Amino acid sequence: MQARRGSAPPGATRTGERRILARLSVPPSRPVPGQKVRVHFNLHAKDQDGIVINVRGRRAALVPAVTLRAVEFHVSAKGVDRIRDRGQREVCAWAWGTIVTISSAPLSPTDLEGLVRVRFNPHRDRTFIDPSGRPVEHAPKAIFASLIEEKEPGKSRPYGYAWTWPRDADPQESA
């Protein structure tokens, strides 16, 4: 028997249907506290809603700030290599954690006083680092926020950072 033109081989139809249904499915609902999520900074953000929250591999929200607990910082080594080779931006660093709070309003620098800023720059580093240059892989609690900074006169844009509590402080005290 001859297969119809454009038909899938036996067994492939189910996989294809699953892929199509996954694409057509309703995007995940708005993230809620207690949910495990992946967070990264939107590289094309023009305002302070620059933190992307992904649920089950799909973008669920774009917010100005989110606080996570039991945070794990991840960097794709291959992604860093591509950025350095091509000079193009891409998401190669993110954090996993459980949502504590989601902020609908931008945070100000005074909201973050006393916390330690954690940053990642693929042109300089291969991991998230703290101000002293030490790698940061885990944190009991962290705030991810985008702040508008003016690095050149007259040119301001949002930059995304994470802030953790100092190593000797208990993040539960300020929860």
N, C-alpha and C. Protein backbone atom coordinates (compact mmCIF):
# COMPACT_ATOMS: atom_id res chain seq x y z
N MET A 1 0.83 -1.17 0.00
CA MET A 1 0.00 0.00 0.00
C MET A 1 0.88 1.24 0.00
N GLN A 2 0.51 2.18 -0.79
CA GLN A 2 1.30 3.38 -0.95
C GLN A 2 0.82 4.46 0.03
N ALA A 3 1.77 5.13 0.70
CA ALA A 3 1.42 6.18 1.66
C ALA A 3 0.93 7.41 0.92
N ARG A 4 -0.02 8.07 1.52
CA ARG A 4 -0.51 9.30 0.93
C ARG A 4 0.57 10.36 1.00
N ARG A 5 0.52 11.25 0.05
CA ARG A 5 1.49 12.34 0.00
C ARG A 5 1.29 13.25 1.23
N GLY A 6 2.38 13.54 1.91
CA GLY A 6 2.31 14.41 3.08
C GLY A 6 1.92 13.70 4.36
N SER A 7 1.67 12.40 4.29
CA SER A 7 1.30 11.70 5.52
C SER A 7 2.55 11.35 6.31
N ALA A 8 2.39 11.29 7.60
CA ALA A 8 3.52 10.99 8.48
C ALA A 8 3.71 9.49 8.59
N PRO A 9 4.92 9.03 8.83
CA PRO A 9 5.15 7.60 9.02
C PRO A 9 4.42 7.12 10.27
N PRO A 10 4.15 5.82 10.36
CA PRO A 10 3.43 5.31 11.53
C PRO A 10 4.13 5.70 12.83
N GLY A 11 3.33 6.11 13.81
CA GLY A 11 3.86 6.49 15.11
C GLY A 11 4.24 7.95 15.21
N ALA A 12 4.52 8.59 14.08
CA ALA A 12 4.93 9.99 14.12
C ALA A 12 3.73 10.92 14.27
N THR A 13 2.57 10.46 13.89
CA THR A 13 1.38 11.31 13.95
C THR A 13 1.11 11.77 15.36
N ARG A 14 1.20 10.87 16.30
CA ARG A 14 0.92 11.25 17.69
C ARG A 14 1.90 12.31 18.18
N THR A 15 3.18 12.13 17.87
CA THR A 15 4.16 13.11 18.29
C THR A 15 3.88 14.45 17.64
N GLY A 16 3.58 14.44 16.35
CA GLY A 16 3.26 15.66 15.64
C GLY A 16 2.03 16.34 16.21
N GLU A 17 1.03 15.54 16.54
CA GLU A 17 -0.18 16.11 17.13
C GLU A 17 0.12 16.75 18.47
N ARG A 18 0.97 16.10 19.26
CA ARG A 18 1.33 16.67 20.56
C ARG A 18 2.03 18.01 20.39
N ARG A 19 2.93 18.08 19.40
CA ARG A 19 3.64 19.34 19.17
C ARG A 19 2.68 20.44 18.76
N ILE A 20 1.76 20.11 17.86
CA ILE A 20 0.78 21.10 17.42
C ILE A 20 -0.10 21.54 18.57
N LEU A 21 -0.58 20.59 19.36
CA LEU A 21 -1.44 20.93 20.48
C LEU A 21 -0.69 21.76 21.52
N ALA A 22 0.60 21.47 21.71
CA ALA A 22 1.40 22.25 22.66
C ALA A 22 1.51 23.69 22.19
N ARG A 23 1.68 23.89 20.88
CA ARG A 23 1.78 25.25 20.35
C ARG A 23 0.45 26.00 20.45
N LEU A 24 -0.64 25.28 20.27
CA LEU A 24 -1.96 25.89 20.28
C LEU A 24 -2.54 26.02 21.68
N SER A 25 -1.93 25.36 22.64
CA SER A 25 -2.50 25.36 23.98
C SER A 25 -2.48 26.77 24.58
N VAL A 26 -3.34 26.97 25.51
CA VAL A 26 -3.44 28.26 26.18
C VAL A 26 -2.15 28.49 26.96
N PRO A 27 -1.58 29.68 26.86
CA PRO A 27 -0.35 29.93 27.62
C PRO A 27 -0.58 29.73 29.11
N PRO A 28 0.47 29.45 29.86
CA PRO A 28 0.30 29.21 31.28
C PRO A 28 -0.34 30.41 31.96
N SER A 29 -1.09 30.12 32.99
CA SER A 29 -1.76 31.21 33.71
C SER A 29 -0.73 32.09 34.40
N ARG A 30 -1.18 33.21 34.87
CA ARG A 30 -0.30 34.15 35.56
C ARG A 30 0.40 33.44 36.72
N PRO A 31 1.70 33.62 36.84
CA PRO A 31 2.43 32.96 37.93
C PRO A 31 1.92 33.41 39.29
N VAL A 32 1.97 32.51 40.25
CA VAL A 32 1.48 32.79 41.60
C VAL A 32 2.52 32.40 42.64
N PRO A 33 2.49 33.03 43.81
CA PRO A 33 3.43 32.64 44.87
C PRO A 33 3.35 31.14 45.16
N GLY A 34 4.51 30.55 45.40
CA GLY A 34 4.60 29.12 45.67
C GLY A 34 4.89 28.29 44.43
N GLN A 35 4.86 28.92 43.26
CA GLN A 35 5.08 28.21 42.00
C GLN A 35 6.57 28.25 41.63
N LYS A 36 7.11 27.12 41.15
CA LYS A 36 8.50 27.05 40.71
C LYS A 36 8.58 27.61 39.30
N VAL A 37 9.49 28.57 39.09
CA VAL A 37 9.58 29.27 37.82
C VAL A 37 11.04 29.49 37.42
N ARG A 38 11.20 29.85 36.16
CA ARG A 38 12.50 30.26 35.64
C ARG A 38 12.41 31.75 35.34
N VAL A 39 13.42 32.51 35.72
CA VAL A 39 13.41 33.96 35.56
C VAL A 39 14.66 34.39 34.79
N HIS A 40 14.47 35.32 33.84
CA HIS A 40 15.63 35.94 33.18
C HIS A 40 15.28 37.37 32.82
N PHE A 41 16.29 38.14 32.45
CA PHE A 41 16.09 39.53 32.10
C PHE A 41 15.79 39.64 30.61
N ASN A 42 14.78 40.44 30.27
CA ASN A 42 14.41 40.66 28.87
C ASN A 42 15.45 41.57 28.23
N LEU A 43 16.19 41.05 27.27
CA LEU A 43 17.27 41.79 26.65
C LEU A 43 16.80 42.97 25.81
N HIS A 44 15.53 42.99 25.46
CA HIS A 44 15.00 44.05 24.60
C HIS A 44 14.08 45.00 25.36
N ALA A 45 14.12 44.96 26.67
CA ALA A 45 13.24 45.80 27.49
C ALA A 45 13.56 47.26 27.26
N LYS A 46 12.51 48.03 27.09
CA LYS A 46 12.68 49.47 26.93
C LYS A 46 12.15 50.22 28.17
N ASP A 47 11.46 49.50 29.03
CA ASP A 47 10.96 50.10 30.25
C ASP A 47 11.32 49.19 31.42
N GLN A 48 10.73 49.42 32.57
CA GLN A 48 11.13 48.65 33.73
C GLN A 48 10.46 47.29 33.86
N ASP A 49 9.56 46.94 32.97
CA ASP A 49 8.98 45.59 33.00
C ASP A 49 9.92 44.65 32.25
N GLY A 50 11.10 44.44 32.81
CA GLY A 50 12.13 43.70 32.10
C GLY A 50 12.42 42.31 32.64
N ILE A 51 11.70 41.86 33.64
CA ILE A 51 11.96 40.53 34.20
C ILE A 51 10.93 39.56 33.62
N VAL A 52 11.42 38.52 32.95
CA VAL A 52 10.55 37.53 32.32
C VAL A 52 10.40 36.34 33.26
N ILE A 53 9.16 35.95 33.51
CA ILE A 53 8.89 34.76 34.32
C ILE A 53 8.38 33.68 33.37
N ASN A 54 9.09 32.56 33.35
CA ASN A 54 8.69 31.41 32.52
C ASN A 54 8.10 30.33 33.41
N VAL A 55 6.97 29.79 32.98
CA VAL A 55 6.33 28.67 33.66
C VAL A 55 6.23 27.54 32.65
N ARG A 56 6.74 26.38 33.01
CA ARG A 56 6.72 25.21 32.14
C ARG A 56 7.29 25.52 30.75
N GLY A 57 8.37 26.31 30.70
CA GLY A 57 9.04 26.59 29.44
C GLY A 57 8.40 27.67 28.59
N ARG A 58 7.35 28.32 29.08
CA ARG A 58 6.69 29.36 28.30
C ARG A 58 6.62 30.65 29.09
N ARG A 59 6.77 31.77 28.37
CA ARG A 59 6.70 33.06 29.05
C ARG A 59 5.30 33.28 29.59
N ALA A 60 5.22 33.51 30.88
CA ALA A 60 3.93 33.70 31.53
C ALA A 60 3.71 35.14 31.97
N ALA A 61 4.79 35.88 32.21
CA ALA A 61 4.62 37.26 32.68
C ALA A 61 5.88 38.06 32.43
N LEU A 62 5.68 39.35 32.27
CA LEU A 62 6.76 40.32 32.15
C LEU A 62 6.51 41.34 33.26
N VAL A 63 7.39 41.38 34.26
CA VAL A 63 7.14 42.18 35.46
C VAL A 63 8.35 43.04 35.79
N PRO A 64 8.17 44.09 36.62
CA PRO A 64 9.31 44.90 37.02
C PRO A 64 10.19 44.24 38.08
N ALA A 65 9.60 43.35 38.91
CA ALA A 65 10.40 42.71 39.96
C ALA A 65 9.70 41.45 40.46
N VAL A 66 10.50 40.49 40.90
CA VAL A 66 9.98 39.26 41.49
C VAL A 66 10.97 38.79 42.56
N THR A 67 10.45 38.25 43.64
CA THR A 67 11.28 37.69 44.70
C THR A 67 11.11 36.18 44.68
N LEU A 68 12.24 35.46 44.68
CA LEU A 68 12.23 34.00 44.67
C LEU A 68 12.95 33.47 45.91
N ARG A 69 12.58 32.27 46.32
CA ARG A 69 13.32 31.57 47.39
C ARG A 69 13.90 30.29 46.80
N ALA A 70 14.88 29.72 47.48
CA ALA A 70 15.58 28.51 47.02
C ALA A 70 16.03 28.70 45.57
N VAL A 71 16.84 29.73 45.36
CA VAL A 71 17.24 30.15 44.01
C VAL A 71 18.50 29.42 43.57
N GLU A 72 18.46 28.95 42.31
CA GLU A 72 19.63 28.35 41.66
C GLU A 72 19.93 29.16 40.42
N PHE A 73 21.15 29.68 40.32
CA PHE A 73 21.57 30.47 39.16
C PHE A 73 22.22 29.54 38.14
N HIS A 74 21.83 29.69 36.86
CA HIS A 74 22.36 28.85 35.79
C HIS A 74 22.90 29.70 34.66
N VAL A 75 24.02 29.25 34.06
CA VAL A 75 24.59 29.90 32.89
C VAL A 75 24.91 28.82 31.87
N SER A 76 24.49 29.02 30.64
CA SER A 76 24.80 28.08 29.56
C SER A 76 26.19 28.41 29.01
N ALA A 77 27.13 27.49 29.16
CA ALA A 77 28.49 27.71 28.67
C ALA A 77 28.50 27.87 27.15
N LYS A 78 27.69 27.07 26.46
CA LYS A 78 27.61 27.18 24.99
C LYS A 78 27.01 28.52 24.59
N GLY A 79 26.03 28.99 25.35
CA GLY A 79 25.44 30.29 25.06
C GLY A 79 26.46 31.41 25.22
N VAL A 80 27.27 31.35 26.27
CA VAL A 80 28.31 32.35 26.49
C VAL A 80 29.30 32.33 25.34
N ASP A 81 29.70 31.13 24.89
CA ASP A 81 30.63 31.01 23.77
C ASP A 81 30.04 31.63 22.50
N ARG A 82 28.75 31.37 22.23
CA ARG A 82 28.11 31.95 21.04
C ARG A 82 28.09 33.48 21.12
N ILE A 83 27.78 34.01 22.29
CA ILE A 83 27.76 35.47 22.46
C ILE A 83 29.14 36.06 22.19
N ARG A 84 30.16 35.43 22.72
CA ARG A 84 31.52 35.94 22.53
C ARG A 84 31.98 35.79 21.09
N ASP A 85 31.60 34.70 20.43
CA ASP A 85 32.00 34.47 19.04
C ASP A 85 31.28 35.40 18.07
N ARG A 86 29.96 35.52 18.23
CA ARG A 86 29.13 36.27 17.28
C ARG A 86 28.92 37.73 17.65
N GLY A 87 29.07 38.05 18.93
CA GLY A 87 28.81 39.41 19.36
C GLY A 87 27.33 39.75 19.41
N GLN A 88 26.47 38.74 19.41
CA GLN A 88 25.03 38.96 19.47
C GLN A 88 24.52 38.59 20.85
N ARG A 89 23.46 39.27 21.27
CA ARG A 89 22.88 38.98 22.58
C ARG A 89 21.91 37.81 22.47
N GLU A 90 21.84 37.04 23.53
CA GLU A 90 20.85 35.97 23.66
C GLU A 90 20.72 35.65 25.14
N VAL A 91 19.64 35.00 25.50
CA VAL A 91 19.46 34.61 26.89
C VAL A 91 20.31 33.36 27.14
N CYS A 92 21.33 33.51 27.96
CA CYS A 92 22.19 32.37 28.27
C CYS A 92 22.33 32.20 29.78
N ALA A 93 21.63 33.04 30.55
CA ALA A 93 21.70 32.96 32.01
C ALA A 93 20.31 33.17 32.58
N TRP A 94 19.99 32.38 33.60
CA TRP A 94 18.67 32.47 34.22
C TRP A 94 18.75 31.92 35.63
N ALA A 95 17.65 32.00 36.32
CA ALA A 95 17.58 31.48 37.69
C ALA A 95 16.29 30.70 37.86
N TRP A 96 16.37 29.62 38.63
CA TRP A 96 15.20 28.83 39.00
C TRP A 96 14.90 29.11 40.45
N GLY A 97 13.63 29.18 40.80
CA GLY A 97 13.27 29.36 42.18
C GLY A 97 11.77 29.33 42.36
N THR A 98 11.33 29.45 43.59
CA THR A 98 9.91 29.44 43.93
C THR A 98 9.49 30.88 44.24
N ILE A 99 8.40 31.32 43.62
CA ILE A 99 7.94 32.69 43.78
C ILE A 99 7.52 32.96 45.22
N VAL A 100 8.01 34.08 45.77
CA VAL A 100 7.57 34.58 47.06
C VAL A 100 6.60 35.73 46.81
N THR A 101 7.05 36.73 46.04
CA THR A 101 6.19 37.86 45.68
C THR A 101 6.48 38.31 44.26
N ILE A 102 5.47 38.90 43.63
CA ILE A 102 5.62 39.52 42.31
C ILE A 102 5.24 40.98 42.48
N SER A 103 6.11 41.87 42.06
CA SER A 103 5.84 43.30 42.19
C SER A 103 5.26 43.84 40.89
N SER A 104 4.17 44.58 41.02
CA SER A 104 3.58 45.20 39.83
C SER A 104 4.11 46.62 39.64
N ALA A 105 4.84 47.12 40.61
CA ALA A 105 5.43 48.46 40.52
C ALA A 105 6.95 48.34 40.55
N PRO A 106 7.65 49.21 39.85
CA PRO A 106 9.11 49.15 39.86
C PRO A 106 9.67 49.40 41.26
N LEU A 107 10.78 48.76 41.55
CA LEU A 107 11.46 48.97 42.83
C LEU A 107 12.41 50.15 42.69
N SER A 108 12.67 50.82 43.78
CA SER A 108 13.64 51.91 43.78
C SER A 108 14.92 51.40 44.44
N PRO A 109 16.03 52.06 44.19
CA PRO A 109 17.28 51.63 44.82
C PRO A 109 17.20 51.58 46.35
N THR A 110 16.35 52.41 46.96
CA THR A 110 16.23 52.38 48.42
C THR A 110 15.56 51.09 48.90
N ASP A 111 14.73 50.46 48.04
CA ASP A 111 14.11 49.18 48.40
C ASP A 111 15.15 48.07 48.50
N LEU A 112 16.30 48.28 47.89
CA LEU A 112 17.31 47.23 47.80
C LEU A 112 18.53 47.50 48.68
N GLU A 113 18.45 48.53 49.51
CA GLU A 113 19.58 48.87 50.39
C GLU A 113 19.87 47.72 51.34
N GLY A 114 21.15 47.47 51.54
CA GLY A 114 21.58 46.41 52.45
C GLY A 114 21.67 45.03 51.79
N LEU A 115 21.21 44.93 50.54
CA LEU A 115 21.29 43.65 49.82
C LEU A 115 22.52 43.64 48.94
N VAL A 116 22.94 42.46 48.52
CA VAL A 116 24.14 42.29 47.70
C VAL A 116 23.71 42.09 46.25
N ARG A 117 24.21 42.95 45.36
CA ARG A 117 23.85 42.84 43.95
C ARG A 117 24.64 41.72 43.29
N VAL A 118 23.93 40.88 42.56
CA VAL A 118 24.54 39.78 41.81
C VAL A 118 24.37 40.12 40.34
N ARG A 119 25.42 39.97 39.57
CA ARG A 119 25.32 40.33 38.15
C ARG A 119 25.92 39.24 37.28
N PHE A 120 25.62 39.36 35.98
CA PHE A 120 26.19 38.45 34.99
C PHE A 120 26.46 39.25 33.72
N ASN A 121 27.68 39.17 33.23
CA ASN A 121 28.05 39.78 31.97
C ASN A 121 28.81 38.73 31.17
N PRO A 122 28.23 38.23 30.07
CA PRO A 122 28.87 37.14 29.33
C PRO A 122 30.20 37.51 28.70
N HIS A 123 30.49 38.80 28.55
CA HIS A 123 31.76 39.22 27.97
C HIS A 123 32.89 39.22 29.00
N ARG A 124 32.53 39.22 30.28
CA ARG A 124 33.54 39.24 31.34
C ARG A 124 33.56 37.97 32.19
N ASP A 125 32.38 37.36 32.37
CA ASP A 125 32.26 36.26 33.34
C ASP A 125 31.60 35.05 32.70
N ARG A 126 31.77 33.91 33.35
CA ARG A 126 31.11 32.69 32.92
C ARG A 126 30.08 32.22 33.94
N THR A 127 29.87 33.03 34.96
CA THR A 127 28.90 32.70 36.00
C THR A 127 28.38 34.00 36.61
N PHE A 128 27.33 33.91 37.39
CA PHE A 128 26.86 35.05 38.15
C PHE A 128 27.91 35.34 39.22
N ILE A 129 28.16 36.63 39.48
CA ILE A 129 29.16 36.98 40.49
C ILE A 129 28.62 38.06 41.42
N ASP A 130 29.20 38.11 42.63
CA ASP A 130 28.84 39.16 43.58
C ASP A 130 29.87 40.30 43.42
N PRO A 131 29.71 41.40 44.14
CA PRO A 131 30.63 42.54 43.96
C PRO A 131 32.10 42.22 44.21
N SER A 132 32.38 41.20 45.03
CA SER A 132 33.78 40.85 45.29
C SER A 132 34.35 39.94 44.22
N GLY A 133 33.51 39.52 43.26
CA GLY A 133 33.99 38.66 42.17
C GLY A 133 33.81 37.17 42.44
N ARG A 134 33.21 36.83 43.58
CA ARG A 134 32.98 35.41 43.89
C ARG A 134 31.78 34.88 43.11
N PRO A 135 31.88 33.66 42.59
CA PRO A 135 30.74 33.07 41.87
C PRO A 135 29.55 32.85 42.81
N VAL A 136 28.36 33.03 42.28
CA VAL A 136 27.13 32.81 43.04
C VAL A 136 26.33 31.74 42.29
N GLU A 137 26.10 30.60 42.92
CA GLU A 137 25.34 29.52 42.29
C GLU A 137 23.99 29.30 42.94
N HIS A 138 23.89 29.60 44.23
CA HIS A 138 22.65 29.39 44.98
C HIS A 138 22.41 30.58 45.92
N ALA A 139 21.17 30.76 46.28
CA ALA A 139 20.82 31.76 47.29
C ALA A 139 19.52 31.32 47.94
N PRO A 140 19.41 31.51 49.26
CA PRO A 140 18.16 31.13 49.91
C PRO A 140 16.99 32.00 49.45
N LYS A 141 17.30 33.26 49.08
CA LYS A 141 16.25 34.17 48.63
C LYS A 141 16.91 35.25 47.77
N ALA A 142 16.23 35.69 46.71
CA ALA A 142 16.78 36.73 45.84
C ALA A 142 15.65 37.55 45.24
N ILE A 143 15.96 38.82 44.98
CA ILE A 143 15.03 39.72 44.29
C ILE A 143 15.60 39.98 42.91
N PHE A 144 14.78 39.83 41.89
CA PHE A 144 15.18 40.13 40.51
C PHE A 144 14.41 41.37 40.09
N ALA A 145 15.14 42.39 39.64
CA ALA A 145 14.50 43.64 39.28
C ALA A 145 15.28 44.32 38.18
N SER A 146 14.57 45.13 37.41
CA SER A 146 15.25 45.95 36.41
C SER A 146 15.17 47.40 36.87
N LEU A 147 16.30 48.06 36.81
CA LEU A 147 16.38 49.46 37.21
C LEU A 147 16.86 50.28 36.02
N ILE A 148 16.32 51.47 35.88
CA ILE A 148 16.77 52.36 34.82
C ILE A 148 18.07 53.01 35.29
N GLU A 149 19.12 52.86 34.48
CA GLU A 149 20.41 53.45 34.82
C GLU A 149 20.89 54.27 33.63
N GLU A 150 21.57 55.34 33.93
CA GLU A 150 22.14 56.17 32.88
C GLU A 150 23.65 55.94 32.88
N LYS A 151 24.11 55.07 31.98
CA LYS A 151 25.54 54.76 31.93
C LYS A 151 26.29 55.74 31.04
N GLU A 152 25.57 56.35 30.08
CA GLU A 152 26.15 57.39 29.25
C GLU A 152 25.24 58.61 29.38
N PRO A 153 25.80 59.81 29.34
CA PRO A 153 24.97 61.01 29.48
C PRO A 153 23.85 61.04 28.44
N GLY A 154 22.64 61.21 28.92
CA GLY A 154 21.48 61.30 28.03
C GLY A 154 20.94 59.98 27.54
N LYS A 155 21.61 58.87 27.85
CA LYS A 155 21.15 57.56 27.40
C LYS A 155 20.88 56.68 28.62
N SER A 156 19.61 56.40 28.86
CA SER A 156 19.27 55.54 29.98
C SER A 156 18.47 54.35 29.45
N ARG A 157 18.69 53.22 30.06
CA ARG A 157 17.95 52.02 29.69
C ARG A 157 17.91 51.11 30.90
N PRO A 158 16.98 50.15 30.90
CA PRO A 158 16.90 49.25 32.06
C PRO A 158 18.01 48.22 32.05
N TYR A 159 18.49 47.93 33.23
CA TYR A 159 19.47 46.86 33.42
C TYR A 159 18.90 45.90 34.45
N GLY A 160 19.05 44.62 34.22
CA GLY A 160 18.51 43.62 35.13
C GLY A 160 19.57 43.08 36.06
N TYR A 161 19.21 42.98 37.31
CA TYR A 161 20.12 42.45 38.31
C TYR A 161 19.34 41.57 39.28
N ALA A 162 20.09 40.83 40.05
CA ALA A 162 19.51 40.07 41.16
C ALA A 162 20.17 40.61 42.42
N TRP A 163 19.42 40.61 43.50
CA TRP A 163 19.95 41.03 44.79
C TRP A 163 19.69 39.91 45.78
N THR A 164 20.72 39.54 46.53
CA THR A 164 20.59 38.51 47.55
C THR A 164 20.90 39.13 48.91
N TRP A 165 20.56 38.42 49.93
CA TRP A 165 20.87 38.89 51.27
C TRP A 165 22.32 38.57 51.57
N PRO A 166 23.00 39.40 52.37
CA PRO A 166 24.39 39.09 52.73
C PRO A 166 24.48 37.70 53.35
N ARG A 167 25.63 37.07 53.18
CA ARG A 167 25.80 35.68 53.63
C ARG A 167 25.53 35.49 55.12
N ASP A 168 25.78 36.53 55.92
CA ASP A 168 25.58 36.39 57.36
C ASP A 168 24.18 36.81 57.81
N ALA A 169 23.34 37.29 56.89
CA ALA A 169 21.98 37.72 57.25
C ALA A 169 20.99 36.60 56.98
N ASP A 170 19.91 36.61 57.71
CA ASP A 170 18.85 35.62 57.53
C ASP A 170 17.75 36.22 56.67
N PRO A 171 17.53 35.70 55.42
CA PRO A 171 16.51 36.28 54.55
C PRO A 171 15.09 36.10 55.09
N GLN A 172 14.89 35.21 56.04
CA GLN A 172 13.55 35.00 56.60
C GLN A 172 13.11 36.17 57.46
N GLU A 173 14.08 36.91 58.04
CA GLU A 173 13.76 38.05 58.90
C GLU A 173 13.03 39.14 58.15
N SER A 174 13.36 39.32 56.86
CA SER A 174 12.76 40.41 56.09
C SER A 174 11.64 39.90 55.18
N ALA A 175 11.20 38.68 55.37
CA ALA A 175 10.16 38.12 54.50
C ALA A 175 8.81 38.72 54.80
